[in-house]
Amino acid sequence: MTTIKEINEEMEKLLNETDEDAIDEVREKYEPFEKNMNSLLDAETIESYLERYEEMNKEDIAALRCYNLDTTEELSAYIADKEISFDALKTETAYAACEALKFAIYDSEEDDDY
């Protein structure tokens, strides 16, 4: 199983490999996702995590999609059905943030091609 530390190392590697001309734009695009990831990772219980997830999705600004689920109800049901641990949920959160970073890099580097 991948750990949050490994995902963070992957994100750092992605940033280090990002085109120098695009790095500022990437950081700017990724910053709100990183803020949301840290907020979710700071949750001490699944209940507080789900409250933060719901708020994040209501605002729909840099919303992370854990397990590609859009609503708190879907996520809560998925967690219960698959018996997802809180640690696994937090790892998925870091993974979702890594995917957001990859998109920010791709989007920024594509912008530079024109």
Protein backbone atom coordinates (compact mmCIF):
# COMPACT_ATOMS: atom_id res chain seq x y z
CA MET A 1 0.00 0.00 0.00
CA THR A 2 1.24 3.46 -0.87
CA THR A 3 1.79 5.82 2.04
CA ILE A 4 1.12 9.55 2.36
CA LYS A 5 4.88 10.06 2.66
CA GLU A 6 5.44 8.28 -0.66
CA ILE A 7 2.72 10.36 -2.32
CA ASN A 8 4.27 13.56 -0.95
CA GLU A 9 7.64 12.46 -2.32
CA GLU A 10 6.01 11.85 -5.71
CA MET A 11 4.48 15.34 -5.64
CA GLU A 12 7.85 16.88 -4.79
CA LYS A 13 9.42 14.94 -7.67
CA LEU A 14 6.70 16.17 -10.03
CA LEU A 15 7.33 19.77 -8.99
CA ASN A 16 11.09 19.36 -9.40
CA GLU A 17 10.56 18.00 -12.93
CA THR A 18 8.11 20.73 -13.93
CA ASP A 19 9.18 23.08 -16.67
CA GLU A 20 10.80 26.14 -15.13
CA ASP A 21 8.59 28.48 -17.15
CA ALA A 22 5.43 26.84 -15.80
CA ILE A 23 6.35 26.28 -12.14
CA ASP A 24 4.86 29.51 -10.76
CA GLU A 25 1.58 28.90 -12.58
CA VAL A 26 1.52 25.29 -11.36
CA ARG A 27 2.06 26.33 -7.76
CA GLU A 28 -0.66 28.96 -8.05
CA LYS A 29 -3.16 26.47 -9.53
CA TYR A 30 -2.26 23.75 -7.03
CA GLU A 31 -2.24 25.90 -3.87
CA PRO A 32 -6.02 25.68 -3.18
CA PHE A 33 -5.93 21.89 -3.63
CA GLU A 34 -3.02 21.65 -1.23
CA LYS A 35 -4.90 23.78 1.31
CA ASN A 36 -7.93 21.47 1.04
CA MET A 37 -5.75 18.37 1.30
CA ASN A 38 -4.09 19.68 4.47
CA SER A 39 -7.46 20.57 5.96
CA LEU A 40 -8.77 17.06 5.32
CA LEU A 41 -5.58 15.42 6.59
CA ASP A 42 -5.80 17.48 9.79
CA ALA A 43 -9.23 16.01 10.59
CA GLU A 44 -9.09 13.88 13.71
CA THR A 45 -12.13 11.71 13.04
CA ILE A 46 -13.99 10.41 10.00
CA GLU A 47 -16.95 12.56 11.04
CA SER A 48 -14.90 15.76 11.05
CA TYR A 49 -13.28 14.68 7.78
CA LEU A 50 -16.70 14.22 6.16
CA GLU A 51 -17.83 17.64 7.44
CA ARG A 52 -14.79 19.26 5.84
CA TYR A 53 -15.29 17.24 2.64
CA GLU A 54 -18.90 18.41 2.45
CA GLU A 55 -17.91 22.05 2.96
CA MET A 56 -15.18 21.76 0.35
CA ASN A 57 -17.63 20.34 -2.17
CA LYS A 58 -20.26 22.99 -1.40
CA GLU A 59 -17.75 25.71 -2.17
CA ASP A 60 -16.59 23.72 -5.21
CA ILE A 61 -13.26 25.50 -5.16
CA ALA A 62 -10.39 23.08 -5.62
CA ALA A 63 -12.55 20.21 -4.40
CA LEU A 64 -10.67 16.95 -4.10
CA ARG A 65 -12.58 13.91 -5.31
CA CYS A 66 -11.69 10.97 -3.11
CA TYR A 67 -12.44 7.69 -4.86
CA ASN A 68 -13.90 9.90 -7.63
CA LEU A 69 -17.00 10.52 -5.53
CA ASP A 70 -18.64 13.91 -5.68
CA THR A 71 -20.76 14.03 -2.55
CA THR A 72 -20.28 13.38 1.12
CA GLU A 73 -23.20 10.93 1.04
CA GLU A 74 -21.53 8.89 -1.72
CA LEU A 75 -18.20 8.94 0.10
CA SER A 76 -19.76 8.00 3.42
CA ALA A 77 -21.64 5.07 1.86
CA TYR A 78 -18.49 3.93 0.03
CA ILE A 79 -16.45 4.04 3.24
CA ALA A 80 -19.07 1.97 5.06
CA ASP A 81 -19.59 -0.50 2.21
CA LYS A 82 -15.88 -1.11 1.58
CA GLU A 83 -14.93 -0.79 5.27
CA ILE A 84 -12.33 1.87 4.46
CA SER A 85 -10.10 2.78 7.38
CA PHE A 86 -9.46 6.39 8.34
CA ASP A 87 -5.79 5.96 7.41
CA ALA A 88 -6.74 4.62 3.98
CA LEU A 89 -9.10 7.55 3.50
CA LYS A 90 -6.32 9.99 4.32
CA THR A 91 -4.00 8.21 1.88
CA GLU A 92 -6.69 8.53 -0.81
CA THR A 93 -6.89 12.24 0.02
CA ALA A 94 -3.16 12.66 -0.64
CA TYR A 95 -3.55 10.64 -3.85
CA ALA A 96 -6.41 12.90 -5.02
CA ALA A 97 -4.22 15.94 -4.33
CA CYS A 98 -1.39 14.37 -6.33
CA GLU A 99 -3.78 13.89 -9.25
CA ALA A 100 -4.78 17.56 -8.96
CA LEU A 101 -1.10 18.51 -9.07
CA LYS A 102 -0.57 16.38 -12.18
CA PHE A 103 -3.48 18.15 -13.85
CA ALA A 104 -2.12 21.58 -12.86
CA ILE A 105 1.25 20.66 -14.33
CA TYR A 106 -0.28 19.33 -17.53
CA ASP A 107 -2.57 22.33 -17.88
CA SER A 108 0.22 24.85 -17.26
CA GLU A 109 2.69 23.18 -19.57
CA GLU A 110 0.02 22.94 -22.29
CA ASP A 111 -0.62 26.69 -21.91
CA ASP A 112 3.06 27.34 -22.55
CA ASP A 113 2.95 25.41 -25.83
CA TYR A 114 0.81 28.06 -27.50
